[in-house]
Amino acid sequence: MTWFYNEEPFTSEMIEDNIGFVYCITDTRNGLKYIGKKGLISKRKMPPLKGKRRRRTKIVETDWQLYYGSSETVKALVEEYGTETFRRDILRLCKSKGETNYYEAKMQFETDCLLKPDEYYNEFIGCKINRSHLMRR
């Protein structure tokens, strides 16, 4: 299945300088949704080169293309009914982890997803965000 951004299929070439995104997964059988976030890239620590002390950092693309959320409920439904019964939409691309955390929580609070169990699969909202995480330097 494909991720959609502005009704267009989203590809690796469209990542540019974005770190992650906020998404909505919709169960097409019943219309229930799940709002979450996913990182597009991750930094991997590598051992130093022979004779050097400084560890190396490698930036790699995550498994975002295969991702169906962190919700155990949604993952079980994907396993049971298959990926074709779910639509995955990117709501917002983000330039930092802090921005990704902020907009995920903002969208979850704006939709009242915890108060609407008949509309959303979300079961909790977890966030700890500092203003300095959002400021661009």
C-alpha atoms as a PDB file:
ATOM      1  CA  MET A   1       0.000   0.000   0.000  1.00  0.00           C
ATOM      2  CA  THR A   2       0.979   3.575  -0.630  1.00  0.00           C
ATOM      3  CA  TRP A   3       1.271   6.650   1.564  1.00  0.00           C
ATOM      4  CA  PHE A   4      -0.581   9.698   0.205  1.00  0.00           C
ATOM      5  CA  TYR A   5       0.369  13.346   0.710  1.00  0.00           C
ATOM      6  CA  ASN A   6      -2.007  15.974  -0.705  1.00  0.00           C
ATOM      7  CA  GLU A   7      -3.836  13.144  -2.516  1.00  0.00           C
ATOM      8  CA  GLU A   8      -0.626  12.194  -4.385  1.00  0.00           C
ATOM      9  CA  PRO A   9       1.470   9.036  -3.729  1.00  0.00           C
ATOM     10  CA  PHE A  10       4.450   9.903  -1.495  1.00  0.00           C
ATOM     11  CA  THR A  11       7.882   8.535  -2.488  1.00  0.00           C
ATOM     12  CA  SER A  12      11.420   8.559  -1.083  1.00  0.00           C
ATOM     13  CA  GLU A  13      12.386  11.293  -3.542  1.00  0.00           C
ATOM     14  CA  MET A  14       9.880  13.623  -1.842  1.00  0.00           C
ATOM     15  CA  ILE A  15      11.515  13.380   1.606  1.00  0.00           C
ATOM     16  CA  GLU A  16      13.984  16.243   0.946  1.00  0.00           C
ATOM     17  CA  ASP A  17      15.032  17.746   4.318  1.00  0.00           C
ATOM     18  CA  ASN A  18      12.082  16.398   6.323  1.00  0.00           C
ATOM     19  CA  ILE A  19      12.763  14.235   9.381  1.00  0.00           C
ATOM     20  CA  GLY A  20       9.299  12.750   9.912  1.00  0.00           C
ATOM     21  CA  PHE A  21       5.574  13.124   9.397  1.00  0.00           C
ATOM     22  CA  VAL A  22       2.214  13.025  11.142  1.00  0.00           C
ATOM     23  CA  TYR A  23      -0.230  10.588   9.576  1.00  0.00           C
ATOM     24  CA  CYS A  24      -3.767   9.295   9.626  1.00  0.00           C
ATOM     25  CA  ILE A  25      -4.525   5.654   8.892  1.00  0.00           C
ATOM     26  CA  THR A  26      -8.162   5.019   7.967  1.00  0.00           C
ATOM     27  CA  ASP A  27      -9.854   1.630   8.146  1.00  0.00           C
ATOM     28  CA  THR A  28     -11.952   1.653   4.964  1.00  0.00           C
ATOM     29  CA  ARG A  29     -14.275  -1.043   6.318  1.00  0.00           C
ATOM     30  CA  ASN A  30     -15.691   1.099   9.137  1.00  0.00           C
ATOM     31  CA  GLY A  31     -14.123   4.587   8.780  1.00  0.00           C
ATOM     32  CA  LEU A  32     -12.202   4.416  12.066  1.00  0.00           C
ATOM     33  CA  LYS A  33      -8.931   6.363  12.062  1.00  0.00           C
ATOM     34  CA  TYR A  34      -5.589   6.375  13.848  1.00  0.00           C
ATOM     35  CA  ILE A  35      -3.425   9.498  14.149  1.00  0.00           C
ATOM     36  CA  GLY A  36       0.288   9.028  14.773  1.00  0.00           C
ATOM     37  CA  LYS A  37       3.797  10.021  13.738  1.00  0.00           C
ATOM     38  CA  LYS A  38       6.685   8.327  11.984  1.00  0.00           C
ATOM     39  CA  GLY A  39      10.302   9.239  11.355  1.00  0.00           C
ATOM     40  CA  LEU A  40      11.560   9.216   7.785  1.00  0.00           C
ATOM     41  CA  ILE A  41      15.259   8.970   8.617  1.00  0.00           C
ATOM     42  CA  SER A  42      17.331   7.759  11.534  1.00  0.00           C
ATOM     43  CA  LYS A  43      20.900   8.230  12.628  1.00  0.00           C
ATOM     44  CA  ARG A  44      22.956   5.087  13.216  1.00  0.00           C
ATOM     45  CA  LYS A  45      26.093   5.163  15.324  1.00  0.00           C
ATOM     46  CA  MET A  46      28.991   3.270  13.797  1.00  0.00           C
ATOM     47  CA  PRO A  47      32.315   2.349  15.372  1.00  0.00           C
ATOM     48  CA  PRO A  48      35.269   4.637  14.647  1.00  0.00           C
ATOM     49  CA  LEU A  49      37.582   3.882  11.759  1.00  0.00           C
ATOM     50  CA  LYS A  50      40.765   2.014  12.592  1.00  0.00           C
ATOM     51  CA  GLY A  51      43.138   4.323  14.420  1.00  0.00           C
ATOM     52  CA  LYS A  52      40.464   6.978  15.028  1.00  0.00           C
ATOM     53  CA  ARG A  53      38.492   7.834  18.177  1.00  0.00           C
ATOM     54  CA  ARG A  54      35.400   9.608  16.918  1.00  0.00           C
ATOM     55  CA  ARG A  55      32.372   7.447  16.242  1.00  0.00           C
ATOM     56  CA  ARG A  56      30.787   7.806  12.837  1.00  0.00           C
ATOM     57  CA  THR A  57      27.147   8.621  12.176  1.00  0.00           C
ATOM     58  CA  LYS A  58      25.249   7.177   9.248  1.00  0.00           C
ATOM     59  CA  ILE A  59      21.876   8.577   8.194  1.00  0.00           C
ATOM     60  CA  VAL A  60      19.495   5.960   6.783  1.00  0.00           C
ATOM     61  CA  GLU A  61      15.872   5.906   5.666  1.00  0.00           C
ATOM     62  CA  THR A  62      13.506   4.155   8.086  1.00  0.00           C
ATOM     63  CA  ASP A  63      10.905   1.494   7.256  1.00  0.00           C
ATOM     64  CA  TRP A  64       8.221   4.173   6.829  1.00  0.00           C
ATOM     65  CA  GLN A  65       6.919   2.610   3.595  1.00  0.00           C
ATOM     66  CA  LEU A  66       5.891  -0.594   5.415  1.00  0.00           C
ATOM     67  CA  TYR A  67       4.654   1.139   8.593  1.00  0.00           C
ATOM     68  CA  TYR A  68       1.068   0.770   9.801  1.00  0.00           C
ATOM     69  CA  GLY A  69       1.251   2.523  13.156  1.00  0.00           C
ATOM     70  CA  SER A  70       2.302   1.686  16.676  1.00  0.00           C
ATOM     71  CA  SER A  71      -1.217   0.758  17.788  1.00  0.00           C
ATOM     72  CA  GLU A  72      -1.463  -2.932  18.597  1.00  0.00           C
ATOM     73  CA  THR A  73      -5.139  -2.825  17.597  1.00  0.00           C
ATOM     74  CA  VAL A  74      -4.386  -1.398  14.145  1.00  0.00           C
ATOM     75  CA  LYS A  75      -1.470  -3.801  13.589  1.00  0.00           C
ATOM     76  CA  ALA A  76      -3.704  -6.766  14.475  1.00  0.00           C
ATOM     77  CA  LEU A  77      -6.400  -5.548  12.071  1.00  0.00           C
ATOM     78  CA  VAL A  78      -3.846  -5.104   9.277  1.00  0.00           C
ATOM     79  CA  GLU A  79      -2.660  -8.657   9.931  1.00  0.00           C
ATOM     80  CA  GLU A  80      -6.239  -9.981   9.904  1.00  0.00           C
ATOM     81  CA  TYR A  81      -7.763  -8.036   6.988  1.00  0.00           C
ATOM     82  CA  GLY A  82      -4.695  -7.099   4.924  1.00  0.00           C
ATOM     83  CA  THR A  83      -3.127  -3.806   3.967  1.00  0.00           C
ATOM     84  CA  GLU A  84      -5.573  -3.077   1.163  1.00  0.00           C
ATOM     85  CA  THR A  85      -8.359  -2.277   3.665  1.00  0.00           C
ATOM     86  CA  PHE A  86      -6.418   0.689   5.079  1.00  0.00           C
ATOM     87  CA  ARG A  87      -5.669   4.114   3.593  1.00  0.00           C
ATOM     88  CA  ARG A  88      -2.526   5.896   4.804  1.00  0.00           C
ATOM     89  CA  ASP A  89      -2.397   9.706   4.554  1.00  0.00           C
ATOM     90  CA  ILE A  90       0.452  12.011   5.530  1.00  0.00           C
ATOM     91  CA  LEU A  91      -1.109  15.043   7.214  1.00  0.00           C
ATOM     92  CA  ARG A  92       2.057  17.066   7.768  1.00  0.00           C
ATOM     93  CA  LEU A  93       5.756  16.763   6.936  1.00  0.00           C
ATOM     94  CA  CYS A  94       8.096  17.904   9.722  1.00  0.00           C
ATOM     95  CA  LYS A  95      11.672  19.212   9.796  1.00  0.00           C
ATOM     96  CA  SER A  96      12.569  18.046  13.344  1.00  0.00           C
ATOM     97  CA  LYS A  97      11.619  15.393  15.904  1.00  0.00           C
ATOM     98  CA  GLY A  98      10.257  18.074  18.213  1.00  0.00           C
ATOM     99  CA  GLU A  99       8.043  19.439  15.457  1.00  0.00           C
ATOM    100  CA  THR A 100       6.816  15.910  14.689  1.00  0.00           C
ATOM    101  CA  ASN A 101       5.968  15.305  18.372  1.00  0.00           C
ATOM    102  CA  TYR A 102       4.222  18.668  18.660  1.00  0.00           C
ATOM    103  CA  TYR A 103       2.008  18.295  15.588  1.00  0.00           C
ATOM    104  CA  GLU A 104       1.079  14.700  16.421  1.00  0.00           C
ATOM    105  CA  ALA A 105      -0.170  15.762  19.860  1.00  0.00           C
ATOM    106  CA  LYS A 106      -1.807  18.908  18.444  1.00  0.00           C
ATOM    107  CA  MET A 107      -3.786  16.928  15.867  1.00  0.00           C
ATOM    108  CA  GLN A 108      -4.755  14.292  18.423  1.00  0.00           C
ATOM    109  CA  PHE A 109      -6.063  16.961  20.819  1.00  0.00           C
ATOM    110  CA  GLU A 110      -7.811  18.907  18.025  1.00  0.00           C
ATOM    111  CA  THR A 111      -9.706  15.817  16.869  1.00  0.00           C
ATOM    112  CA  ASP A 112     -10.558  14.712  20.441  1.00  0.00           C
ATOM    113  CA  CYS A 113      -9.492  11.227  19.369  1.00  0.00           C
ATOM    114  CA  LEU A 114      -9.479   9.859  22.937  1.00  0.00           C
ATOM    115  CA  LEU A 115     -13.038  11.051  23.531  1.00  0.00           C
ATOM    116  CA  LYS A 116     -14.347   9.469  20.328  1.00  0.00           C
ATOM    117  CA  PRO A 117     -13.682   5.705  20.492  1.00  0.00           C
ATOM    118  CA  ASP A 118     -16.346   5.189  17.819  1.00  0.00           C
ATOM    119  CA  GLU A 119     -14.246   7.296  15.377  1.00  0.00           C
ATOM    120  CA  TYR A 120     -10.595   6.698  16.380  1.00  0.00           C
ATOM    121  CA  TYR A 121      -8.387   3.765  17.359  1.00  0.00           C
ATOM    122  CA  ASN A 122      -6.094   6.029  19.447  1.00  0.00           C
ATOM    123  CA  GLU A 123      -5.915   4.949  23.092  1.00  0.00           C
ATOM    124  CA  PHE A 124      -3.484   7.467  24.593  1.00  0.00           C
ATOM    125  CA  ILE A 125      -1.618  10.682  23.858  1.00  0.00           C
ATOM    126  CA  GLY A 126       1.949  10.837  25.040  1.00  0.00           C
ATOM    127  CA  CYS A 127       4.150  13.870  24.633  1.00  0.00           C
ATOM    128  CA  LYS A 128       6.837  15.905  26.291  1.00  0.00           C
ATOM    129  CA  ILE A 129       7.774  18.900  24.201  1.00  0.00           C
ATOM    130  CA  ASN A 130      10.056  21.807  24.976  1.00  0.00           C
ATOM    131  CA  ARG A 131       9.941  25.092  23.078  1.00  0.00           C
ATOM    132  CA  SER A 132      13.624  24.746  22.237  1.00  0.00           C
ATOM    133  CA  HIS A 133      12.809  21.559  20.309  1.00  0.00           C
ATOM    134  CA  LEU A 134      10.655  23.596  17.931  1.00  0.00           C
ATOM    135  CA  MET A 135      12.859  26.648  17.401  1.00  0.00           C
ATOM    136  CA  ARG A 136      14.971  26.633  14.272  1.00  0.00           C
ATOM    137  CA  ARG A 137      18.513  27.791  14.666  1.00  0.00           C
END
